[in-house]
Amino acid sequence: MRVAIGLGSNLGDRESHLSYALEALSSIGEVLAVSSLYRTAPVGEVAQDDFLNAVAVFETDLSPTQILERCLEVETARGRVRTVRWGPRTLDLDLLLYNSMNIAEPGLRVPHPELLHRRFALEPLLEVWPDAKLPSGEPLSQFIPAVADQQLERWTPAATTGRAVFNRFAFLVPMIALILVVWWAVGWLVNQVL
């Protein structure tokens, strides 16, 4: 079965939490695709920092209940504490789709009940599973216009922005100094020989 899992974090090292989750979730099956990271505003009335969100698509033989149990284990292992509904969290993992099945069990509804109302889930999902459909056969892409006004931006990891860019090129200063010293030494030796 093809499944989509939404990943989110807005506490601590968000990128590290999401990387941890992807690695831990590889136990449920083969990772087929992982979306870009997106920075999104929090949902609800609780004041909190922005989230980093992504969606991963897996091929699995596990049941929806087994996947949910694994997601909860991974959240707990990363320090998630459930105190306030839609409050801040180190890690949030949601089973968004389970192939094209409709599942309604205690504590588990698939497709995720909020999927069609959250751009931060729909857009990354469609990035990695463009032809994803609801159990009714409706393509998920048709729901994007209804959430287009929700804040969402593709996230550029820290390693490619700001000070990190400078740090990546910081090695050039000693390299240039070394080249100048070698050039001077070669010139000095040539002058001594002549």
C-alpha atoms as a PDB file:
ATOM      1  CA  MET A   1       0.000   0.000   0.000  1.00  0.00           C
ATOM      2  CA  ARG A   2       1.102   3.553  -0.692  1.00  0.00           C
ATOM      3  CA  VAL A   3       0.782   5.832   2.318  1.00  0.00           C
ATOM      4  CA  ALA A   4       1.463   9.509   2.936  1.00  0.00           C
ATOM      5  CA  ILE A   5       2.609  10.810   6.302  1.00  0.00           C
ATOM      6  CA  GLY A   6       2.700  14.482   7.198  1.00  0.00           C
ATOM      7  CA  LEU A   7       5.617  15.636   9.345  1.00  0.00           C
ATOM      8  CA  GLY A   8       5.750  18.831  11.376  1.00  0.00           C
ATOM      9  CA  SER A   9       7.832  20.455  14.097  1.00  0.00           C
ATOM     10  CA  ASN A  10       7.960  23.874  15.763  1.00  0.00           C
ATOM     11  CA  LEU A  11      10.041  23.269  18.904  1.00  0.00           C
ATOM     12  CA  GLY A  12      13.803  22.989  19.203  1.00  0.00           C
ATOM     13  CA  ASP A  13      15.863  21.947  16.196  1.00  0.00           C
ATOM     14  CA  ARG A  14      12.995  21.468  13.777  1.00  0.00           C
ATOM     15  CA  GLU A  15      15.102  20.128  10.912  1.00  0.00           C
ATOM     16  CA  SER A  16      16.730  17.590  13.206  1.00  0.00           C
ATOM     17  CA  HIS A  17      13.338  16.400  14.483  1.00  0.00           C
ATOM     18  CA  LEU A  18      12.078  15.894  10.926  1.00  0.00           C
ATOM     19  CA  SER A  19      15.252  14.074   9.860  1.00  0.00           C
ATOM     20  CA  TYR A  20      14.968  11.819  12.887  1.00  0.00           C
ATOM     21  CA  ALA A  21      11.343  11.054  12.017  1.00  0.00           C
ATOM     22  CA  LEU A  22      12.165  10.132   8.423  1.00  0.00           C
ATOM     23  CA  GLU A  23      14.892   7.773   9.530  1.00  0.00           C
ATOM     24  CA  ALA A  24      12.717   6.212  12.249  1.00  0.00           C
ATOM     25  CA  LEU A  25       9.747   5.821   9.906  1.00  0.00           C
ATOM     26  CA  SER A  26      11.819   3.936   7.358  1.00  0.00           C
ATOM     27  CA  SER A  27      10.938   0.888   9.488  1.00  0.00           C
ATOM     28  CA  ILE A  28       7.359   0.980   8.151  1.00  0.00           C
ATOM     29  CA  GLY A  29       8.438   0.366   4.570  1.00  0.00           C
ATOM     30  CA  GLU A  30      10.231   1.769   1.550  1.00  0.00           C
ATOM     31  CA  VAL A  31      10.484   5.548   1.348  1.00  0.00           C
ATOM     32  CA  LEU A  32       9.254   6.488  -2.140  1.00  0.00           C
ATOM     33  CA  ALA A  33       9.545  10.273  -1.913  1.00  0.00           C
ATOM     34  CA  VAL A  34      10.024  13.138   0.534  1.00  0.00           C
ATOM     35  CA  SER A  35       8.765  16.639  -0.171  1.00  0.00           C
ATOM     36  CA  SER A  36      10.616  19.888   0.258  1.00  0.00           C
ATOM     37  CA  LEU A  37      10.440  21.531   3.663  1.00  0.00           C
ATOM     38  CA  TYR A  38       7.838  24.265   4.085  1.00  0.00           C
ATOM     39  CA  ARG A  39       7.634  26.945   6.757  1.00  0.00           C
ATOM     40  CA  THR A  40       4.061  27.486   7.860  1.00  0.00           C
ATOM     41  CA  ALA A  41       2.120  29.515  10.364  1.00  0.00           C
ATOM     42  CA  PRO A  42       0.612  27.533  13.256  1.00  0.00           C
ATOM     43  CA  VAL A  43      -3.057  26.560  13.164  1.00  0.00           C
ATOM     44  CA  GLY A  44      -5.322  27.421  16.089  1.00  0.00           C
ATOM     45  CA  GLU A  45      -5.327  30.110  18.738  1.00  0.00           C
ATOM     46  CA  VAL A  46      -2.224  29.056  20.692  1.00  0.00           C
ATOM     47  CA  ALA A  47       0.659  31.550  20.304  1.00  0.00           C
ATOM     48  CA  GLN A  48       3.675  29.601  19.065  1.00  0.00           C
ATOM     49  CA  ASP A  49       6.522  29.576  16.556  1.00  0.00           C
ATOM     50  CA  ASP A  50       6.168  28.680  12.892  1.00  0.00           C
ATOM     51  CA  PHE A  51       6.313  25.051  11.852  1.00  0.00           C
ATOM     52  CA  LEU A  52       8.498  23.222   9.409  1.00  0.00           C
ATOM     53  CA  ASN A  53       6.366  20.740   7.500  1.00  0.00           C
ATOM     54  CA  ALA A  54       6.954  18.034   4.922  1.00  0.00           C
ATOM     55  CA  VAL A  55       5.254  14.931   3.565  1.00  0.00           C
ATOM     56  CA  ALA A  56       6.822  11.524   2.997  1.00  0.00           C
ATOM     57  CA  VAL A  57       5.323   8.769   0.860  1.00  0.00           C
ATOM     58  CA  PHE A  58       6.000   5.125   1.718  1.00  0.00           C
ATOM     59  CA  GLU A  59       5.237   1.708   0.274  1.00  0.00           C
ATOM     60  CA  THR A  60       4.222  -0.548   3.166  1.00  0.00           C
ATOM     61  CA  ASP A  61       2.547  -3.791   4.154  1.00  0.00           C
ATOM     62  CA  LEU A  62       1.599  -2.469   7.591  1.00  0.00           C
ATOM     63  CA  SER A  63      -1.991  -1.763   8.551  1.00  0.00           C
ATOM     64  CA  PRO A  64      -3.142   1.806   9.226  1.00  0.00           C
ATOM     65  CA  THR A  65      -3.281   1.028  12.965  1.00  0.00           C
ATOM     66  CA  GLN A  66       0.303  -0.266  12.924  1.00  0.00           C
ATOM     67  CA  ILE A  67       1.454   2.872  11.121  1.00  0.00           C
ATOM     68  CA  LEU A  68      -0.353   5.085  13.626  1.00  0.00           C
ATOM     69  CA  GLU A  69       1.279   3.199  16.511  1.00  0.00           C
ATOM     70  CA  ARG A  70       4.721   3.651  14.937  1.00  0.00           C
ATOM     71  CA  CYS A  71       4.085   7.382  14.413  1.00  0.00           C
ATOM     72  CA  LEU A  72       3.107   7.804  18.066  1.00  0.00           C
ATOM     73  CA  GLU A  73       6.235   5.910  19.183  1.00  0.00           C
ATOM     74  CA  VAL A  74       8.462   8.173  17.069  1.00  0.00           C
ATOM     75  CA  GLU A  75       6.757  11.330  18.384  1.00  0.00           C
ATOM     76  CA  THR A  76       7.230  10.170  21.988  1.00  0.00           C
ATOM     77  CA  ALA A  77      10.860   9.224  21.379  1.00  0.00           C
ATOM     78  CA  ARG A  78      11.477  12.770  20.190  1.00  0.00           C
ATOM     79  CA  GLY A  79       9.965  14.314  23.310  1.00  0.00           C
ATOM     80  CA  ARG A  80       6.431  15.139  22.204  1.00  0.00           C
ATOM     81  CA  VAL A  81       4.162  15.963  25.135  1.00  0.00           C
ATOM     82  CA  ARG A  82       0.440  16.374  24.510  1.00  0.00           C
ATOM     83  CA  THR A  83      -0.837  19.126  26.785  1.00  0.00           C
ATOM     84  CA  VAL A  84      -2.638  21.648  24.551  1.00  0.00           C
ATOM     85  CA  ARG A  85      -4.614  20.772  21.430  1.00  0.00           C
ATOM     86  CA  TRP A  86      -2.771  22.170  18.395  1.00  0.00           C
ATOM     87  CA  GLY A  87      -0.065  23.475  20.738  1.00  0.00           C
ATOM     88  CA  PRO A  88       3.695  23.551  20.147  1.00  0.00           C
ATOM     89  CA  ARG A  89       5.377  20.212  19.549  1.00  0.00           C
ATOM     90  CA  THR A  90       8.764  18.748  18.832  1.00  0.00           C
ATOM     91  CA  LEU A  91       7.240  16.384  16.308  1.00  0.00           C
ATOM     92  CA  ASP A  92       3.827  15.828  14.790  1.00  0.00           C
ATOM     93  CA  LEU A  93       3.229  12.857  12.495  1.00  0.00           C
ATOM     94  CA  ASP A  94      -0.105  12.419  10.726  1.00  0.00           C
ATOM     95  CA  LEU A  95      -1.262   9.573   8.518  1.00  0.00           C
ATOM     96  CA  LEU A  96      -2.732  11.593   5.653  1.00  0.00           C
ATOM     97  CA  LEU A  97      -3.580   8.881   3.119  1.00  0.00           C
ATOM     98  CA  TYR A  98      -3.582   5.100   3.098  1.00  0.00           C
ATOM     99  CA  ASN A  99      -3.702   4.271  -0.601  1.00  0.00           C
ATOM    100  CA  SER A 100      -7.225   5.296  -1.597  1.00  0.00           C
ATOM    101  CA  MET A 101      -8.944   3.789   1.421  1.00  0.00           C
ATOM    102  CA  ASN A 102     -11.448   5.433   3.725  1.00  0.00           C
ATOM    103  CA  ILE A 103     -10.795   4.419   7.358  1.00  0.00           C
ATOM    104  CA  ALA A 104     -12.881   5.371  10.372  1.00  0.00           C
ATOM    105  CA  GLU A 105     -11.757   3.706  13.580  1.00  0.00           C
ATOM    106  CA  PRO A 106     -11.547   4.995  17.145  1.00  0.00           C
ATOM    107  CA  GLY A 107      -8.571   7.391  17.179  1.00  0.00           C
ATOM    108  CA  LEU A 108      -7.874   7.035  13.465  1.00  0.00           C
ATOM    109  CA  ARG A 109      -9.529   8.606  10.442  1.00  0.00           C
ATOM    110  CA  VAL A 110      -8.022   8.433   6.977  1.00  0.00           C
ATOM    111  CA  PRO A 111      -7.883  10.517   4.892  1.00  0.00           C
ATOM    112  CA  HIS A 112      -6.803  12.827   7.686  1.00  0.00           C
ATOM    113  CA  PRO A 113      -9.898  14.887   8.637  1.00  0.00           C
ATOM    114  CA  GLU A 114      -8.073  18.222   8.200  1.00  0.00           C
ATOM    115  CA  LEU A 115      -6.163  17.343   5.018  1.00  0.00           C
ATOM    116  CA  LEU A 116      -8.377  19.346   2.661  1.00  0.00           C
ATOM    117  CA  HIS A 117      -8.228  22.418   4.922  1.00  0.00           C
ATOM    118  CA  ARG A 118      -4.455  22.641   5.346  1.00  0.00           C
ATOM    119  CA  ARG A 119      -2.221  23.938   2.620  1.00  0.00           C
ATOM    120  CA  PHE A 120       0.839  22.789   4.609  1.00  0.00           C
ATOM    121  CA  ALA A 121      -0.350  19.206   4.149  1.00  0.00           C
ATOM    122  CA  LEU A 122      -1.865  19.389   0.656  1.00  0.00           C
ATOM    123  CA  GLU A 123       0.930  21.185  -1.175  1.00  0.00           C
ATOM    124  CA  PRO A 124       3.840  19.006  -0.022  1.00  0.00           C
ATOM    125  CA  LEU A 125       1.693  15.907  -0.526  1.00  0.00           C
ATOM    126  CA  LEU A 126       0.982  16.861  -4.117  1.00  0.00           C
ATOM    127  CA  GLU A 127       4.661  17.647  -4.644  1.00  0.00           C
ATOM    128  CA  VAL A 128       5.541  13.986  -3.997  1.00  0.00           C
ATOM    129  CA  TRP A 129       2.273  12.296  -5.026  1.00  0.00           C
ATOM    130  CA  PRO A 130       0.824  14.529  -7.771  1.00  0.00           C
ATOM    131  CA  ASP A 131      -2.014  12.176  -8.726  1.00  0.00           C
ATOM    132  CA  ALA A 132      -3.166  11.515  -5.140  1.00  0.00           C
ATOM    133  CA  LYS A 133      -6.925  11.117  -4.836  1.00  0.00           C
ATOM    134  CA  LEU A 134      -9.560  10.883  -2.171  1.00  0.00           C
ATOM    135  CA  PRO A 135     -11.350   7.532  -1.760  1.00  0.00           C
ATOM    136  CA  SER A 136     -14.185   9.077  -3.802  1.00  0.00           C
ATOM    137  CA  GLY A 137     -11.774   9.460  -6.736  1.00  0.00           C
ATOM    138  CA  GLU A 138     -11.549  13.259  -6.545  1.00  0.00           C
ATOM    139  CA  PRO A 139      -8.010  14.501  -7.220  1.00  0.00           C
ATOM    140  CA  LEU A 140      -6.513  16.330  -4.245  1.00  0.00           C
ATOM    141  CA  SER A 141      -5.145  19.013  -6.565  1.00  0.00           C
ATOM    142  CA  GLN A 142      -8.652  20.448  -6.976  1.00  0.00           C
ATOM    143  CA  PHE A 143      -8.651  21.493  -3.299  1.00  0.00           C
ATOM    144  CA  ILE A 144      -5.542  23.712  -3.499  1.00  0.00           C
ATOM    145  CA  PRO A 145      -7.426  26.899  -4.561  1.00  0.00           C
ATOM    146  CA  ALA A 146      -9.545  26.750  -1.392  1.00  0.00           C
ATOM    147  CA  VAL A 147      -6.424  26.970   0.818  1.00  0.00           C
ATOM    148  CA  ALA A 148      -4.266  29.184  -1.410  1.00  0.00           C
ATOM    149  CA  ASP A 149      -4.535  32.118   1.009  1.00  0.00           C
ATOM    150  CA  GLN A 150      -2.835  30.187   3.849  1.00  0.00           C
ATOM    151  CA  GLN A 151       0.758  31.236   4.560  1.00  0.00           C
ATOM    152  CA  LEU A 152       3.290  28.769   3.202  1.00  0.00           C
ATOM    153  CA  GLU A 153       6.817  29.167   1.929  1.00  0.00           C
ATOM    154  CA  ARG A 154       9.436  26.713   0.817  1.00  0.00           C
ATOM    155  CA  TRP A 155      12.121  26.496   3.488  1.00  0.00           C
ATOM    156  CA  THR A 156      15.786  26.855   2.657  1.00  0.00           C
ATOM    157  CA  PRO A 157      17.805  24.992   5.290  1.00  0.00           C
ATOM    158  CA  ALA A 158      20.247  27.026   7.366  1.00  0.00           C
ATOM    159  CA  ALA A 159      23.203  25.409   5.623  1.00  0.00           C
ATOM    160  CA  THR A 160      22.476  27.459   2.514  1.00  0.00           C
ATOM    161  CA  THR A 161      21.617  30.832   4.030  1.00  0.00           C
ATOM    162  CA  GLY A 162      23.144  33.721   5.914  1.00  0.00           C
ATOM    163  CA  ARG A 163      26.215  33.070   8.013  1.00  0.00           C
ATOM    164  CA  ALA A 164      26.390  29.432   6.916  1.00  0.00           C
ATOM    165  CA  VAL A 165      27.113  30.564   3.343  1.00  0.00           C
ATOM    166  CA  PHE A 166      29.977  32.682   4.652  1.00  0.00           C
ATOM    167  CA  ASN A 167      31.242  29.758   6.710  1.00  0.00           C
ATOM    168  CA  ARG A 168      31.239  27.489   3.654  1.00  0.00           C
ATOM    169  CA  PHE A 169      33.553  29.941   1.886  1.00  0.00           C
ATOM    170  CA  ALA A 170      35.652  30.843   4.925  1.00  0.00           C
ATOM    171  CA  PHE A 171      38.256  28.260   3.864  1.00  0.00           C
ATOM    172  CA  LEU A 172      39.085  30.521   0.880  1.00  0.00           C
ATOM    173  CA  VAL A 173      40.928  33.070   3.060  1.00  0.00           C
ATOM    174  CA  PRO A 174      43.638  30.661   4.294  1.00  0.00           C
ATOM    175  CA  MET A 175      43.736  29.004   0.853  1.00  0.00           C
ATOM    176  CA  ILE A 176      44.435  32.344  -0.843  1.00  0.00           C
ATOM    177  CA  ALA A 177      47.037  33.166   1.828  1.00  0.00           C
ATOM    178  CA  LEU A 178      48.758  29.822   1.191  1.00  0.00           C
ATOM    179  CA  ILE A 179      48.787  30.409  -2.564  1.00  0.00           C
ATOM    180  CA  LEU A 180      50.330  33.864  -2.048  1.00  0.00           C
ATOM    181  CA  VAL A 181      53.006  32.458   0.279  1.00  0.00           C
ATOM    182  CA  VAL A 182      53.882  29.686  -2.205  1.00  0.00           C
ATOM    183  CA  TRP A 183      53.945  32.188  -5.070  1.00  0.00           C
ATOM    184  CA  TRP A 184      56.251  34.479  -3.074  1.00  0.00           C
ATOM    185  CA  ALA A 185      58.525  31.529  -2.107  1.00  0.00           C
ATOM    186  CA  VAL A 186      58.784  30.312  -5.710  1.00  0.00           C
ATOM    187  CA  GLY A 187      59.614  33.860  -6.844  1.00  0.00           C
ATOM    188  CA  TRP A 188      62.255  34.175  -4.128  1.00  0.00           C
ATOM    189  CA  LEU A 189      63.843  30.830  -5.116  1.00  0.00           C
ATOM    190  CA  VAL A 190      63.874  31.812  -8.795  1.00  0.00           C
ATOM    191  CA  ASN A 191      65.632  35.092  -7.900  1.00  0.00           C
ATOM    192  CA  GLN A 192      68.218  33.206  -5.790  1.00  0.00           C
ATOM    193  CA  VAL A 193      69.032  30.821  -8.632  1.00  0.00           C
ATOM    194  CA  LEU A 194      69.340  33.583 -11.232  1.00  0.00           C
END
